[in-house]
Amino acid sequence: MTEESERWGKNPCGNGESEFLCRDESDSKDLTRAVKIFIEFVQGFRKLKGLKPCVTVFGSARFREGHPYYELSQDLGGELARAGFTVMTGGGPGIMEGANRGAKEAGGRSIGCNIKLPHEQEPNKYVDRFVDFDHFFVRKVMLLKYSCAFVALPGGFGTLDEVFETATLIQTGKMRDFPVILMGTDYWLPLKEFLLEKLLENEAIIKQDLDRIYLTDSVEEAVTCIQSCAGKRFGMNIPNPPSHCSLCRYGAELGEKNLESRV
């Protein structure tokens, strides 16, 4: 693991967002911060306008070139680009770079939503357009707002945060008919078991809460699923959906309970 990927996304207290979050009392700077946050949103909206149809790829910064997960993300980015999608990531190294690289090398649009850090983190070199953000939560809104599907490759706390916030927005009806595809079934299998054996069995969630989460190791299946879900919305060609993925049939419930590819 390189020093760059080890420190990526880390920001000690005393600067920007972390200074704000480390304080336990309100002060006269709060209004100024609120205005800056508003401006950051507006700048993001302006810079990213017109990206649709877009797919956001989440994943760790720590899996570098040559790692199987990096190569998987690169293959995914390329196939998404060839299918007509803009590929958006957090703009950093690792899986984010792999997806951006695949899209760019396939001739597609490659977007990065970069987080500004004290050590001057730069976006990876494969983004065609990028936006710098001071606040993680503003950045996360942009990663979600412009996409019609979300693909999560293996990652850590940040990736889990993105996956579960997306799942919560779908669960609460803030977003509808947006597939969340987890790629790397061996990596995600313990999470699947936890969701089914702990959350579902204890009725902390219901089966329908899992209806937009799909597991696969196949780039082809992932892209076909996304094409089918997004095709009607954006006037794209709709391929024949995978036989085991009824997510790709509009309005149908997702999958049979006993299908291993379904959460």
Protein backbone atom coordinates (compact mmCIF):
# COMPACT_ATOMS: atom_id res chain seq x y z
CA MET A 1 0.00 0.00 0.00
CA THR A 2 1.41 3.38 -0.97
CA GLU A 3 1.65 6.41 1.30
CA GLU A 4 -0.80 8.23 -0.98
CA SER A 5 -3.55 5.63 -0.61
CA GLU A 6 -2.86 5.24 3.11
CA ARG A 7 -3.47 8.93 3.83
CA TRP A 8 -6.17 9.56 1.22
CA GLY A 9 -9.34 10.88 2.83
CA LYS A 10 -7.76 11.63 6.20
CA ASN A 11 -8.02 15.12 7.63
CA PRO A 12 -6.92 15.87 11.22
CA CYS A 13 -8.95 18.23 13.40
CA GLY A 14 -8.10 21.88 13.06
CA ASN A 15 -8.90 22.46 9.40
CA GLY A 16 -12.16 23.17 7.56
CA GLU A 17 -14.86 20.55 8.00
CA SER A 18 -13.04 18.73 10.77
CA GLU A 19 -12.60 21.93 12.79
CA PHE A 20 -16.34 22.49 12.54
CA LEU A 21 -17.18 18.90 13.56
CA CYS A 22 -14.66 18.82 16.42
CA ARG A 23 -16.26 21.80 18.15
CA ASP A 24 -18.98 21.05 20.67
CA GLU A 25 -20.34 24.58 20.93
CA SER A 26 -21.84 27.05 18.50
CA ASP A 27 -19.92 30.17 17.65
CA SER A 28 -20.20 33.26 15.49
CA LYS A 29 -18.59 31.46 12.56
CA ASP A 30 -21.52 29.09 12.03
CA LEU A 31 -23.41 31.44 9.71
CA THR A 32 -20.29 32.01 7.64
CA ARG A 33 -19.80 28.27 7.38
CA ALA A 34 -23.42 27.80 6.33
CA VAL A 35 -22.97 30.32 3.51
CA LYS A 36 -19.76 28.59 2.38
CA ILE A 37 -21.55 25.25 2.34
CA PHE A 38 -24.36 26.74 0.26
CA ILE A 39 -21.83 28.17 -2.21
CA GLU A 40 -20.10 24.79 -2.40
CA PHE A 41 -23.39 23.14 -3.32
CA VAL A 42 -24.10 25.73 -6.02
CA GLN A 43 -20.62 25.38 -7.51
CA GLY A 44 -21.02 21.61 -7.60
CA PHE A 45 -24.43 21.83 -9.27
CA ARG A 46 -23.08 24.16 -11.94
CA LYS A 47 -19.96 22.14 -12.65
CA LEU A 48 -21.76 18.80 -12.86
CA LYS A 49 -24.87 19.90 -14.73
CA GLY A 50 -25.75 17.80 -17.77
CA LEU A 51 -23.89 14.61 -16.83
CA LYS A 52 -26.80 12.21 -17.06
CA PRO A 53 -26.99 9.30 -17.62
CA CYS A 54 -24.35 8.69 -14.98
CA VAL A 55 -23.24 5.74 -12.84
CA THR A 56 -21.32 6.25 -9.61
CA VAL A 57 -18.66 3.72 -8.64
CA PHE A 58 -17.65 3.44 -4.98
CA GLY A 59 -14.62 1.58 -3.63
CA SER A 60 -11.40 1.71 -1.66
CA ALA A 61 -8.48 4.00 -2.44
CA ARG A 62 -6.12 1.26 -1.25
CA PHE A 63 -6.37 -1.28 -4.06
CA ARG A 64 -3.74 -0.17 -6.52
CA GLU A 65 -3.00 -0.96 -10.16
CA GLY A 66 -2.39 -4.68 -10.57
CA HIS A 67 -4.80 -5.68 -7.80
CA PRO A 68 -7.76 -7.79 -9.01
CA TYR A 69 -10.26 -5.27 -7.63
CA TYR A 70 -8.52 -2.41 -9.46
CA GLU A 71 -8.70 -4.40 -12.68
CA LEU A 72 -12.37 -5.21 -12.05
CA SER A 73 -13.15 -1.52 -11.58
CA GLN A 74 -11.24 -0.68 -14.75
CA ASP A 75 -13.19 -3.27 -16.74
CA LEU A 76 -16.44 -1.96 -15.27
CA GLY A 77 -15.61 1.66 -16.11
CA GLY A 78 -14.82 0.70 -19.69
CA GLU A 79 -18.01 -1.27 -20.21
CA LEU A 80 -20.15 1.45 -18.65
CA ALA A 81 -18.58 4.01 -20.97
CA ARG A 82 -19.16 1.82 -24.02
CA ALA A 83 -22.78 1.45 -22.92
CA GLY A 84 -23.17 5.24 -23.00
CA PHE A 85 -22.86 6.11 -19.32
CA THR A 86 -20.78 8.81 -17.68
CA VAL A 87 -18.66 7.25 -14.92
CA MET A 88 -18.38 9.20 -11.66
CA THR A 89 -16.18 8.40 -8.68
CA GLY A 90 -14.71 10.13 -5.65
CA GLY A 91 -11.77 11.05 -7.86
CA GLY A 92 -9.07 9.44 -5.74
CA PRO A 93 -6.67 6.54 -6.27
CA GLY A 94 -7.39 2.81 -6.12
CA ILE A 95 -10.77 1.59 -7.30
CA MET A 96 -11.85 5.15 -8.05
CA GLU A 97 -8.90 5.58 -10.38
CA GLY A 98 -9.55 2.20 -11.98
CA ALA A 99 -13.14 3.07 -12.88
CA ASN A 100 -12.16 6.52 -14.19
CA ARG A 101 -9.32 5.00 -16.16
CA GLY A 102 -11.53 2.37 -17.76
CA ALA A 103 -14.07 4.99 -18.81
CA LYS A 104 -11.48 7.39 -20.19
CA GLU A 105 -9.58 4.74 -22.13
CA ALA A 106 -12.87 3.55 -23.63
CA GLY A 107 -13.60 7.06 -24.89
CA GLY A 108 -16.30 7.83 -22.34
CA ARG A 109 -16.80 10.65 -19.86
CA SER A 110 -14.91 10.30 -16.59
CA ILE A 111 -15.81 12.49 -13.62
CA GLY A 112 -14.23 12.89 -10.18
CA CYS A 113 -15.66 14.50 -7.05
CA ASN A 114 -12.45 15.19 -5.17
CA ILE A 115 -12.15 16.00 -1.49
CA LYS A 116 -9.66 18.73 -0.59
CA LEU A 117 -7.23 17.71 2.13
CA PRO A 118 -4.35 19.44 3.97
CA HIS A 119 -1.72 17.53 1.97
CA GLU A 120 -3.11 18.83 -1.36
CA GLN A 121 -4.74 15.62 -2.56
CA GLU A 122 -5.11 15.81 -6.33
CA PRO A 123 -7.67 13.95 -8.42
CA ASN A 124 -6.42 10.92 -10.30
CA LYS A 125 -5.13 11.59 -13.81
CA TYR A 126 -7.98 9.83 -15.58
CA VAL A 127 -10.78 12.31 -14.88
CA ASP A 128 -11.98 14.59 -17.67
CA ARG A 129 -13.80 16.87 -15.28
CA PHE A 130 -13.51 17.18 -11.54
CA VAL A 131 -14.93 19.24 -8.71
CA ASP A 132 -13.06 19.92 -5.46
CA PHE A 133 -15.08 19.80 -2.25
CA ASP A 134 -14.24 20.95 1.26
CA HIS A 135 -17.02 18.95 2.91
CA PHE A 136 -17.52 15.21 2.65
CA PHE A 137 -21.30 15.47 2.94
CA VAL A 138 -21.56 17.93 0.03
CA ARG A 139 -19.39 15.65 -2.06
CA LYS A 140 -21.59 12.68 -1.22
CA VAL A 141 -24.70 14.51 -2.37
CA MET A 142 -23.05 15.09 -5.75
CA LEU A 143 -22.03 11.44 -6.03
CA LEU A 144 -25.67 10.46 -5.57
CA LYS A 145 -27.59 13.26 -7.27
CA TYR A 146 -26.44 12.72 -10.84
CA SER A 147 -26.51 8.92 -11.02
CA CYS A 148 -29.12 6.38 -12.02
CA ALA A 149 -27.22 3.44 -10.51
CA PHE A 150 -24.51 2.79 -7.96
CA VAL A 151 -21.82 0.13 -8.02
CA ALA A 152 -19.77 -0.64 -4.91
CA LEU A 153 -16.56 -2.60 -5.17
CA PRO A 154 -14.68 -3.69 -2.04
CA GLY A 155 -13.87 -0.88 0.33
CA GLY A 156 -13.72 0.26 3.93
CA PHE A 157 -15.65 2.66 6.15
CA GLY A 158 -16.13 5.25 3.41
CA THR A 159 -17.52 2.71 0.96
CA LEU A 160 -19.83 1.24 3.59
CA ASP A 161 -21.02 4.73 4.47
CA GLU A 162 -21.84 5.40 0.82
CA VAL A 163 -23.59 2.05 0.35
CA PHE A 164 -25.75 2.35 3.44
CA GLU A 165 -26.67 5.99 2.89
CA THR A 166 -27.74 5.09 -0.64
CA ALA A 167 -29.74 2.12 0.68
CA THR A 168 -31.37 4.37 3.29
CA LEU A 169 -32.39 6.94 0.67
CA ILE A 170 -33.96 4.17 -1.40
CA GLN A 171 -35.62 2.63 1.67
CA THR A 172 -37.18 5.97 2.63
CA GLY A 173 -38.35 6.77 -0.88
CA LYS A 174 -35.95 9.65 -1.49
CA MET A 175 -34.66 7.75 -4.52
CA ARG A 176 -36.63 5.17 -6.50
CA ASP A 177 -35.71 2.39 -8.91
CA PHE A 178 -31.98 2.91 -8.51
CA PRO A 179 -30.04 -0.37 -8.38
CA VAL A 180 -27.18 -0.76 -5.92
CA ILE A 181 -24.79 -3.39 -7.27
CA LEU A 182 -22.15 -4.93 -5.01
CA MET A 183 -19.30 -6.40 -7.05
CA GLY A 184 -16.95 -8.91 -5.44
CA THR A 185 -19.28 -11.52 -3.99
CA ASP A 186 -16.67 -13.16 -1.76
CA TYR A 187 -15.91 -9.78 -0.19
CA TRP A 188 -19.55 -8.81 0.30
CA LEU A 189 -20.91 -12.25 1.33
CA PRO A 190 -20.47 -11.64 5.10
CA LEU A 191 -22.41 -8.39 4.71
CA LYS A 192 -25.19 -10.24 2.88
CA GLU A 193 -25.35 -12.79 5.69
CA PHE A 194 -25.45 -10.04 8.32
CA LEU A 195 -28.30 -8.26 6.55
CA LEU A 196 -30.34 -11.45 6.22
CA GLU A 197 -29.52 -13.20 9.48
CA LYS A 198 -29.40 -10.22 11.82
CA LEU A 199 -31.28 -7.21 10.44
CA LEU A 200 -34.00 -9.08 8.56
CA GLU A 201 -34.53 -11.85 11.11
CA ASN A 202 -34.77 -9.30 13.92
CA GLU A 203 -37.19 -7.21 11.83
CA ALA A 204 -34.91 -4.18 11.84
CA ILE A 205 -35.56 -4.10 8.08
CA ILE A 206 -38.08 -5.76 5.79
CA LYS A 207 -37.40 -7.82 2.68
CA GLN A 208 -38.38 -4.95 0.39
CA ASP A 209 -35.55 -2.87 1.84
CA LEU A 210 -33.14 -5.20 0.07
CA ASP A 211 -34.95 -5.15 -3.25
CA ARG A 212 -32.51 -2.82 -4.95
CA ILE A 213 -29.31 -4.49 -3.82
CA TYR A 214 -27.75 -6.91 -6.26
CA LEU A 215 -24.58 -9.03 -5.98
CA THR A 216 -22.46 -10.13 -8.92
CA ASP A 217 -18.91 -10.72 -10.07
CA SER A 218 -19.84 -10.18 -13.71
CA VAL A 219 -19.22 -6.81 -15.34
CA GLU A 220 -21.54 -7.85 -18.16
CA GLU A 221 -24.40 -8.63 -15.78
CA ALA A 222 -23.89 -5.40 -13.84
CA VAL A 223 -23.93 -3.25 -16.98
CA THR A 224 -26.91 -5.11 -18.44
CA CYS A 225 -28.84 -4.57 -15.21
CA ILE A 226 -28.01 -0.86 -15.22
CA GLN A 227 -28.87 -0.48 -18.90
CA SER A 228 -32.23 -2.12 -18.37
CA CYS A 229 -33.09 -0.02 -15.33
CA ALA A 230 -31.91 3.26 -16.84
CA GLY A 231 -32.85 2.62 -20.44
CA LYS A 232 -36.46 3.66 -20.26
CA ARG A 233 -35.62 6.78 -18.29
CA PHE A 234 -32.97 7.99 -20.72
CA GLY A 235 -34.16 6.49 -23.99
CA MET A 236 -31.29 4.02 -24.21
CA ASN A 237 -31.37 0.65 -25.93
CA ILE A 238 -32.69 -1.93 -23.49
CA PRO A 239 -30.95 -5.31 -23.71
CA ASN A 240 -32.44 -8.63 -22.67
CA PRO A 241 -32.12 -8.69 -18.88
CA PRO A 242 -30.27 -11.51 -17.11
CA SER A 243 -32.73 -14.33 -16.44
CA HIS A 244 -32.13 -14.16 -12.69
CA CYS A 245 -32.51 -10.38 -12.32
CA SER A 246 -36.12 -9.27 -12.37
CA LEU A 247 -34.88 -5.84 -11.30
CA CYS A 248 -34.46 -5.34 -15.02
CA ARG A 249 -38.18 -5.81 -15.64
CA TYR A 250 -39.92 -2.52 -14.95
CA GLY A 251 -42.14 -2.48 -11.90
CA ALA A 252 -41.44 -6.12 -11.05
CA GLU A 253 -40.25 -7.20 -7.64
CA LEU A 254 -36.59 -8.04 -7.52
CA GLY A 255 -35.52 -11.61 -7.70
CA GLU A 256 -36.71 -14.74 -5.96
CA LYS A 257 -35.77 -15.16 -2.33
CA ASN A 258 -33.70 -18.25 -3.03
CA LEU A 259 -31.55 -16.74 -5.78
CA GLU A 260 -27.97 -16.44 -4.58
CA SER A 261 -27.28 -13.36 -6.67
CA ARG A 262 -29.96 -11.45 -4.82
CA VAL A 263 -29.53 -10.09 -1.31
